[in-house]
Amino acid sequence: METEAKPAAPRDGFLRIALEDLLAVRLVHLVSGLDEDDPSQVRRCGTITSIMGYTEWVSEGMAEPVSLGWDWRLDRLQTGEANCMRVGLPRSNVMLIDSAKRDYGWDRNLQVLASIVDAIPWAGETRAAIERRTITT
């Protein structure tokens, strides 16, 4: 009795997952932090500054965990309230695959992951984590 050989999974560090399966994953906050100020940038009183940072979220209860991180900037909304906004594309160990198990390709993959980030309510948890770190340090 012969067994059919399975193609080897690529050993590139990516977790290959279909979009619908990724959307079913529960992501939890792992860590958030503030970016360090660049000491070479001399700030004068009255100049515009930005508060920027990073956040990392991971899947819960998966044998091969999803990792999804991105940079953010604190922006003032028209209401006067401050809110975290994603900056740039996310970083991840995920490579989305289509129904034929073909990779989305790097650019499309990152664009779809960015859309997922923008759809999840991450800003409040991120701000709370930053506030907790700021108070304790």
N, C-alpha and C. Protein backbone atom coordinates (compact mmCIF):
# COMPACT_ATOMS: atom_id res chain seq x y z
N MET A 1 0.84 -1.18 0.00
CA MET A 1 0.00 0.00 0.00
C MET A 1 0.89 1.25 0.00
N GLU A 2 0.73 2.05 -1.03
CA GLU A 2 1.52 3.28 -1.16
C GLU A 2 0.75 4.45 -0.60
N THR A 3 1.49 5.34 0.05
CA THR A 3 0.85 6.57 0.52
C THR A 3 1.28 7.70 -0.39
N GLU A 4 0.37 8.60 -0.60
CA GLU A 4 0.66 9.74 -1.47
C GLU A 4 1.51 10.75 -0.71
N ALA A 5 2.57 11.18 -1.34
CA ALA A 5 3.46 12.16 -0.70
C ALA A 5 2.79 13.52 -0.67
N LYS A 6 2.88 14.18 0.49
CA LYS A 6 2.33 15.53 0.62
C LYS A 6 3.45 16.51 0.32
N PRO A 7 3.13 17.61 -0.37
CA PRO A 7 4.16 18.60 -0.61
C PRO A 7 4.59 19.22 0.71
N ALA A 8 5.87 19.46 0.82
CA ALA A 8 6.40 20.05 2.05
C ALA A 8 5.92 21.49 2.19
N ALA A 9 5.57 21.84 3.41
CA ALA A 9 5.18 23.22 3.69
C ALA A 9 6.42 24.11 3.57
N PRO A 10 6.26 25.28 3.01
CA PRO A 10 7.41 26.18 2.93
C PRO A 10 7.96 26.46 4.33
N ARG A 11 9.27 26.55 4.43
CA ARG A 11 9.92 26.81 5.72
C ARG A 11 10.39 28.26 5.76
N ASP A 12 9.46 29.16 5.56
CA ASP A 12 9.82 30.57 5.53
C ASP A 12 9.33 31.34 6.75
N GLY A 13 8.75 30.62 7.73
CA GLY A 13 8.31 31.25 8.95
C GLY A 13 6.89 31.78 8.93
N PHE A 14 6.22 31.69 7.79
CA PHE A 14 4.85 32.19 7.71
C PHE A 14 3.84 31.13 8.14
N LEU A 15 2.80 31.59 8.79
CA LEU A 15 1.64 30.77 9.08
C LEU A 15 0.65 31.01 7.95
N ARG A 16 0.43 30.01 7.15
CA ARG A 16 -0.49 30.16 6.01
C ARG A 16 -1.90 29.84 6.47
N ILE A 17 -2.80 30.78 6.19
CA ILE A 17 -4.16 30.67 6.69
C ILE A 17 -5.11 31.37 5.72
N ALA A 18 -6.29 30.80 5.56
CA ALA A 18 -7.32 31.42 4.70
C ALA A 18 -7.91 32.62 5.42
N LEU A 19 -8.33 33.61 4.66
CA LEU A 19 -8.88 34.83 5.23
C LEU A 19 -10.04 34.54 6.18
N GLU A 20 -10.98 33.68 5.76
CA GLU A 20 -12.13 33.39 6.62
C GLU A 20 -11.71 32.75 7.93
N ASP A 21 -10.64 31.94 7.91
CA ASP A 21 -10.14 31.34 9.15
C ASP A 21 -9.47 32.40 10.03
N LEU A 22 -8.74 33.31 9.42
CA LEU A 22 -8.10 34.38 10.19
C LEU A 22 -9.15 35.28 10.85
N LEU A 23 -10.23 35.54 10.14
CA LEU A 23 -11.28 36.40 10.70
C LEU A 23 -11.97 35.76 11.90
N ALA A 24 -11.88 34.44 12.02
CA ALA A 24 -12.47 33.73 13.15
C ALA A 24 -11.53 33.66 14.36
N VAL A 25 -10.29 34.07 14.18
CA VAL A 25 -9.29 34.02 15.26
C VAL A 25 -9.54 35.17 16.23
N ARG A 26 -9.47 34.86 17.52
CA ARG A 26 -9.58 35.90 18.55
C ARG A 26 -8.18 36.42 18.84
N LEU A 27 -7.97 37.70 18.55
CA LEU A 27 -6.68 38.33 18.82
C LEU A 27 -6.74 39.04 20.17
N VAL A 28 -5.69 38.88 20.96
CA VAL A 28 -5.60 39.55 22.26
C VAL A 28 -4.35 40.42 22.30
N HIS A 29 -4.43 41.47 23.07
CA HIS A 29 -3.32 42.41 23.20
C HIS A 29 -2.14 41.75 23.90
N LEU A 30 -0.96 41.87 23.34
CA LEU A 30 0.26 41.33 23.95
C LEU A 30 1.08 42.46 24.57
N VAL A 31 1.40 43.47 23.77
CA VAL A 31 2.25 44.56 24.27
C VAL A 31 2.04 45.80 23.42
N SER A 32 2.19 46.94 24.05
CA SER A 32 2.20 48.22 23.34
C SER A 32 3.25 49.09 23.99
N GLY A 33 3.81 49.99 23.22
CA GLY A 33 4.81 50.89 23.78
C GLY A 33 4.91 52.17 22.98
N LEU A 34 5.60 53.12 23.56
CA LEU A 34 5.86 54.39 22.90
C LEU A 34 7.20 54.33 22.19
N ASP A 35 7.29 54.95 21.03
CA ASP A 35 8.58 55.06 20.35
C ASP A 35 9.43 56.07 21.10
N GLU A 36 10.71 55.80 21.14
CA GLU A 36 11.65 56.73 21.77
C GLU A 36 11.80 57.95 20.90
N ASP A 37 11.93 59.11 21.52
CA ASP A 37 12.21 60.33 20.76
C ASP A 37 13.60 60.24 20.17
N ASP A 38 13.76 60.76 18.98
CA ASP A 38 15.06 60.81 18.31
C ASP A 38 15.85 61.98 18.90
N PRO A 39 16.94 61.69 19.63
CA PRO A 39 17.69 62.77 20.27
C PRO A 39 18.33 63.74 19.28
N SER A 40 18.47 63.34 18.02
CA SER A 40 19.08 64.23 17.03
C SER A 40 18.09 65.30 16.57
N GLN A 41 16.80 65.09 16.86
CA GLN A 41 15.78 66.06 16.49
C GLN A 41 15.58 67.05 17.64
N VAL A 42 16.16 68.21 17.50
CA VAL A 42 16.02 69.22 18.54
C VAL A 42 14.63 69.83 18.43
N ARG A 43 13.89 69.79 19.53
CA ARG A 43 12.54 70.34 19.55
C ARG A 43 12.58 71.72 20.20
N ARG A 44 11.93 72.64 19.56
CA ARG A 44 11.79 73.98 20.13
C ARG A 44 10.39 74.13 20.68
N CYS A 45 10.27 74.93 21.67
CA CYS A 45 8.97 75.20 22.26
C CYS A 45 8.03 75.71 21.17
N GLY A 46 6.83 75.17 21.12
CA GLY A 46 5.84 75.61 20.15
C GLY A 46 5.85 74.83 18.85
N THR A 47 6.79 73.89 18.65
CA THR A 47 6.80 73.11 17.41
C THR A 47 5.83 71.93 17.56
N ILE A 48 5.34 71.47 16.44
CA ILE A 48 4.41 70.34 16.43
C ILE A 48 5.20 69.06 16.71
N THR A 49 4.68 68.26 17.62
CA THR A 49 5.29 66.97 17.92
C THR A 49 4.27 65.87 17.69
N SER A 50 4.74 64.66 17.61
CA SER A 50 3.86 63.50 17.44
C SER A 50 4.15 62.51 18.54
N ILE A 51 3.11 61.89 19.03
CA ILE A 51 3.26 60.76 19.94
C ILE A 51 2.99 59.53 19.10
N MET A 52 4.00 58.66 19.03
CA MET A 52 3.89 57.47 18.19
C MET A 52 4.30 56.25 19.00
N GLY A 53 3.82 55.09 18.56
CA GLY A 53 4.16 53.86 19.25
C GLY A 53 3.90 52.64 18.40
N TYR A 54 3.86 51.51 19.08
CA TYR A 54 3.66 50.22 18.42
C TYR A 54 2.74 49.37 19.29
N THR A 55 2.12 48.40 18.68
CA THR A 55 1.30 47.44 19.42
C THR A 55 1.41 46.08 18.74
N GLU A 56 1.30 45.05 19.54
CA GLU A 56 1.40 43.68 19.05
C GLU A 56 0.24 42.88 19.63
N TRP A 57 -0.44 42.15 18.77
CA TRP A 57 -1.58 41.32 19.16
C TRP A 57 -1.30 39.89 18.72
N VAL A 58 -1.79 38.92 19.48
CA VAL A 58 -1.56 37.51 19.18
C VAL A 58 -2.86 36.73 19.31
N SER A 59 -2.88 35.58 18.66
CA SER A 59 -4.06 34.71 18.76
C SER A 59 -4.04 33.99 20.10
N GLU A 60 -5.20 33.56 20.49
CA GLU A 60 -5.34 32.86 21.76
C GLU A 60 -5.72 31.42 21.47
N GLY A 61 -4.99 30.48 22.07
CA GLY A 61 -5.36 29.07 21.99
C GLY A 61 -5.07 28.37 20.69
N MET A 62 -4.10 28.86 19.92
CA MET A 62 -3.74 28.20 18.66
C MET A 62 -2.39 27.52 18.81
N ALA A 63 -2.23 26.34 18.20
CA ALA A 63 -0.95 25.64 18.25
C ALA A 63 0.14 26.47 17.58
N GLU A 64 -0.20 27.08 16.46
CA GLU A 64 0.72 27.99 15.77
C GLU A 64 0.11 29.38 15.87
N PRO A 65 0.62 30.21 16.79
CA PRO A 65 -0.04 31.50 17.04
C PRO A 65 0.13 32.51 15.91
N VAL A 66 -0.92 33.28 15.72
CA VAL A 66 -0.90 34.43 14.82
C VAL A 66 -0.27 35.59 15.58
N SER A 67 0.60 36.32 14.92
CA SER A 67 1.19 37.53 15.48
C SER A 67 0.92 38.66 14.50
N LEU A 68 0.35 39.75 15.02
CA LEU A 68 0.01 40.89 14.18
C LEU A 68 0.36 42.16 14.93
N GLY A 69 1.28 42.93 14.38
CA GLY A 69 1.72 44.16 15.01
C GLY A 69 1.72 45.31 14.03
N TRP A 70 1.65 46.54 14.56
CA TRP A 70 1.64 47.72 13.70
C TRP A 70 2.05 48.94 14.50
N ASP A 71 2.43 49.97 13.79
CA ASP A 71 2.76 51.25 14.39
C ASP A 71 1.52 52.13 14.41
N TRP A 72 1.49 53.08 15.33
CA TRP A 72 0.35 53.98 15.44
C TRP A 72 0.84 55.37 15.83
N ARG A 73 -0.05 56.31 15.62
CA ARG A 73 0.20 57.71 15.98
C ARG A 73 -1.03 58.21 16.73
N LEU A 74 -0.81 59.02 17.74
CA LEU A 74 -1.91 59.62 18.47
C LEU A 74 -2.36 60.85 17.70
N ASP A 75 -3.61 60.85 17.27
CA ASP A 75 -4.18 61.96 16.51
C ASP A 75 -5.33 62.57 17.28
N ARG A 76 -5.53 63.85 17.09
CA ARG A 76 -6.67 64.52 17.71
C ARG A 76 -7.83 64.49 16.73
N LEU A 77 -8.95 64.02 17.20
CA LEU A 77 -10.15 63.98 16.38
C LEU A 77 -10.81 65.36 16.36
N GLN A 78 -11.75 65.56 15.46
CA GLN A 78 -12.46 66.83 15.39
C GLN A 78 -13.20 67.14 16.68
N THR A 79 -13.52 66.11 17.44
CA THR A 79 -14.21 66.30 18.72
C THR A 79 -13.25 66.80 19.80
N GLY A 80 -11.95 66.81 19.49
CA GLY A 80 -10.95 67.21 20.47
C GLY A 80 -10.37 66.03 21.23
N GLU A 81 -10.97 64.86 21.08
CA GLU A 81 -10.49 63.66 21.75
C GLU A 81 -9.29 63.09 20.99
N ALA A 82 -8.34 62.53 21.72
CA ALA A 82 -7.18 61.90 21.09
C ALA A 82 -7.50 60.44 20.78
N ASN A 83 -7.00 59.95 19.65
CA ASN A 83 -7.25 58.58 19.23
C ASN A 83 -6.02 58.02 18.55
N CYS A 84 -5.77 56.73 18.74
CA CYS A 84 -4.66 56.06 18.07
C CYS A 84 -5.08 55.70 16.65
N MET A 85 -4.23 56.01 15.69
CA MET A 85 -4.48 55.69 14.28
C MET A 85 -3.31 54.86 13.75
N ARG A 86 -3.62 53.81 13.02
CA ARG A 86 -2.56 52.98 12.43
C ARG A 86 -1.72 53.81 11.47
N VAL A 87 -0.40 53.56 11.50
CA VAL A 87 0.54 54.21 10.58
C VAL A 87 1.26 53.10 9.81
N GLY A 88 1.24 53.17 8.52
CA GLY A 88 1.95 52.17 7.72
C GLY A 88 1.25 50.82 7.72
N LEU A 89 1.92 49.86 7.17
CA LEU A 89 1.37 48.51 7.05
C LEU A 89 1.77 47.66 8.26
N PRO A 90 0.94 46.67 8.60
CA PRO A 90 1.25 45.83 9.75
C PRO A 90 2.42 44.88 9.48
N ARG A 91 2.91 44.30 10.56
CA ARG A 91 3.93 43.25 10.51
C ARG A 91 3.26 41.97 11.03
N SER A 92 3.56 40.84 10.42
CA SER A 92 2.87 39.63 10.83
C SER A 92 3.62 38.39 10.37
N ASN A 93 3.28 37.28 11.02
CA ASN A 93 3.78 35.98 10.57
C ASN A 93 2.76 35.29 9.68
N VAL A 94 1.70 36.00 9.30
CA VAL A 94 0.60 35.43 8.50
C VAL A 94 0.84 35.67 7.01
N MET A 95 0.63 34.64 6.23
CA MET A 95 0.53 34.76 4.78
C MET A 95 -0.83 34.20 4.42
N LEU A 96 -1.72 35.05 3.98
CA LEU A 96 -3.06 34.62 3.59
C LEU A 96 -2.99 33.78 2.32
N ILE A 97 -3.88 32.79 2.27
CA ILE A 97 -3.93 31.91 1.10
C ILE A 97 -5.36 31.89 0.55
N ASP A 98 -5.46 31.65 -0.75
CA ASP A 98 -6.77 31.59 -1.39
C ASP A 98 -7.33 30.17 -1.30
N SER A 99 -8.47 29.94 -1.93
CA SER A 99 -9.13 28.63 -1.84
C SER A 99 -8.32 27.50 -2.48
N ALA A 100 -7.38 27.85 -3.37
CA ALA A 100 -6.50 26.85 -3.98
C ALA A 100 -5.19 26.72 -3.20
N LYS A 101 -5.14 27.34 -2.00
CA LYS A 101 -3.97 27.31 -1.11
C LYS A 101 -2.75 28.02 -1.71
N ARG A 102 -3.01 29.01 -2.57
CA ARG A 102 -1.92 29.83 -3.12
C ARG A 102 -1.78 31.08 -2.27
N ASP A 103 -0.53 31.49 -2.06
CA ASP A 103 -0.27 32.71 -1.30
C ASP A 103 -0.90 33.92 -1.98
N TYR A 104 -1.38 34.86 -1.17
CA TYR A 104 -1.91 36.12 -1.69
C TYR A 104 -0.82 36.94 -2.36
N GLY A 105 0.40 36.77 -1.94
CA GLY A 105 1.48 37.65 -2.37
C GLY A 105 1.67 38.73 -1.30
N TRP A 106 2.90 39.18 -1.14
CA TRP A 106 3.24 40.06 -0.03
C TRP A 106 2.43 41.35 0.02
N ASP A 107 2.35 42.09 -1.07
CA ASP A 107 1.65 43.38 -1.06
C ASP A 107 0.16 43.22 -0.76
N ARG A 108 -0.49 42.30 -1.44
CA ARG A 108 -1.92 42.08 -1.20
C ARG A 108 -2.15 41.60 0.22
N ASN A 109 -1.29 40.71 0.70
CA ASN A 109 -1.37 40.19 2.05
C ASN A 109 -1.35 41.34 3.07
N LEU A 110 -0.40 42.24 2.94
CA LEU A 110 -0.29 43.35 3.89
C LEU A 110 -1.48 44.30 3.81
N GLN A 111 -2.00 44.54 2.61
CA GLN A 111 -3.16 45.42 2.47
C GLN A 111 -4.39 44.82 3.15
N VAL A 112 -4.58 43.51 3.00
CA VAL A 112 -5.73 42.86 3.64
C VAL A 112 -5.55 42.86 5.15
N LEU A 113 -4.32 42.57 5.63
CA LEU A 113 -4.07 42.61 7.07
C LEU A 113 -4.31 44.01 7.63
N ALA A 114 -3.94 45.04 6.88
CA ALA A 114 -4.19 46.42 7.31
C ALA A 114 -5.69 46.67 7.44
N SER A 115 -6.48 46.15 6.52
CA SER A 115 -7.94 46.30 6.60
C SER A 115 -8.49 45.61 7.84
N ILE A 116 -7.93 44.47 8.18
CA ILE A 116 -8.37 43.75 9.39
C ILE A 116 -8.04 44.57 10.63
N VAL A 117 -6.82 45.10 10.69
CA VAL A 117 -6.42 45.94 11.82
C VAL A 117 -7.39 47.12 11.96
N ASP A 118 -7.70 47.76 10.85
CA ASP A 118 -8.58 48.93 10.89
C ASP A 118 -10.00 48.58 11.33
N ALA A 119 -10.38 47.31 11.21
CA ALA A 119 -11.74 46.90 11.56
C ALA A 119 -11.87 46.42 13.01
N ILE A 120 -10.75 46.16 13.67
CA ILE A 120 -10.85 45.67 15.05
C ILE A 120 -10.70 46.83 16.03
N PRO A 121 -11.33 46.73 17.18
CA PRO A 121 -11.27 47.81 18.17
C PRO A 121 -10.00 47.72 19.04
N TRP A 122 -8.88 48.13 18.48
CA TRP A 122 -7.60 48.00 19.16
C TRP A 122 -7.15 49.26 19.90
N ALA A 123 -7.63 50.42 19.51
CA ALA A 123 -7.09 51.68 20.01
C ALA A 123 -7.28 51.85 21.52
N GLY A 124 -8.44 51.48 22.04
CA GLY A 124 -8.70 51.64 23.46
C GLY A 124 -7.77 50.80 24.32
N GLU A 125 -7.59 49.54 23.96
CA GLU A 125 -6.70 48.65 24.70
C GLU A 125 -5.26 49.13 24.60
N THR A 126 -4.87 49.61 23.44
CA THR A 126 -3.52 50.12 23.25
C THR A 126 -3.28 51.35 24.13
N ARG A 127 -4.21 52.28 24.10
CA ARG A 127 -4.07 53.48 24.94
C ARG A 127 -4.02 53.12 26.41
N ALA A 128 -4.86 52.19 26.85
CA ALA A 128 -4.87 51.77 28.25
C ALA A 128 -3.53 51.15 28.65
N ALA A 129 -2.97 50.33 27.76
CA ALA A 129 -1.67 49.71 28.05
C ALA A 129 -0.57 50.76 28.17
N ILE A 130 -0.60 51.76 27.30
CA ILE A 130 0.39 52.84 27.36
C ILE A 130 0.23 53.63 28.65
N GLU A 131 -1.00 53.92 29.02
CA GLU A 131 -1.25 54.67 30.25
C GLU A 131 -0.77 53.89 31.47
N ARG A 132 -1.00 52.58 31.50
CA ARG A 132 -0.53 51.74 32.61
C ARG A 132 0.99 51.76 32.69
N ARG A 133 1.66 51.66 31.55
CA ARG A 133 3.13 51.67 31.53
C ARG A 133 3.67 53.02 31.95
N THR A 134 3.03 54.10 31.51
CA THR A 134 3.49 55.44 31.83
C THR A 134 3.35 55.72 33.32
N ILE A 135 2.29 55.26 33.91
CA ILE A 135 2.05 55.49 35.35
C ILE A 135 3.06 54.71 36.19
N THR A 136 3.42 53.50 35.79
CA THR A 136 4.31 52.67 36.60
C THR A 136 5.77 52.96 36.38
N THR A 137 6.14 53.70 35.36
CA THR A 137 7.57 53.97 35.12
C THR A 137 7.95 55.35 35.58
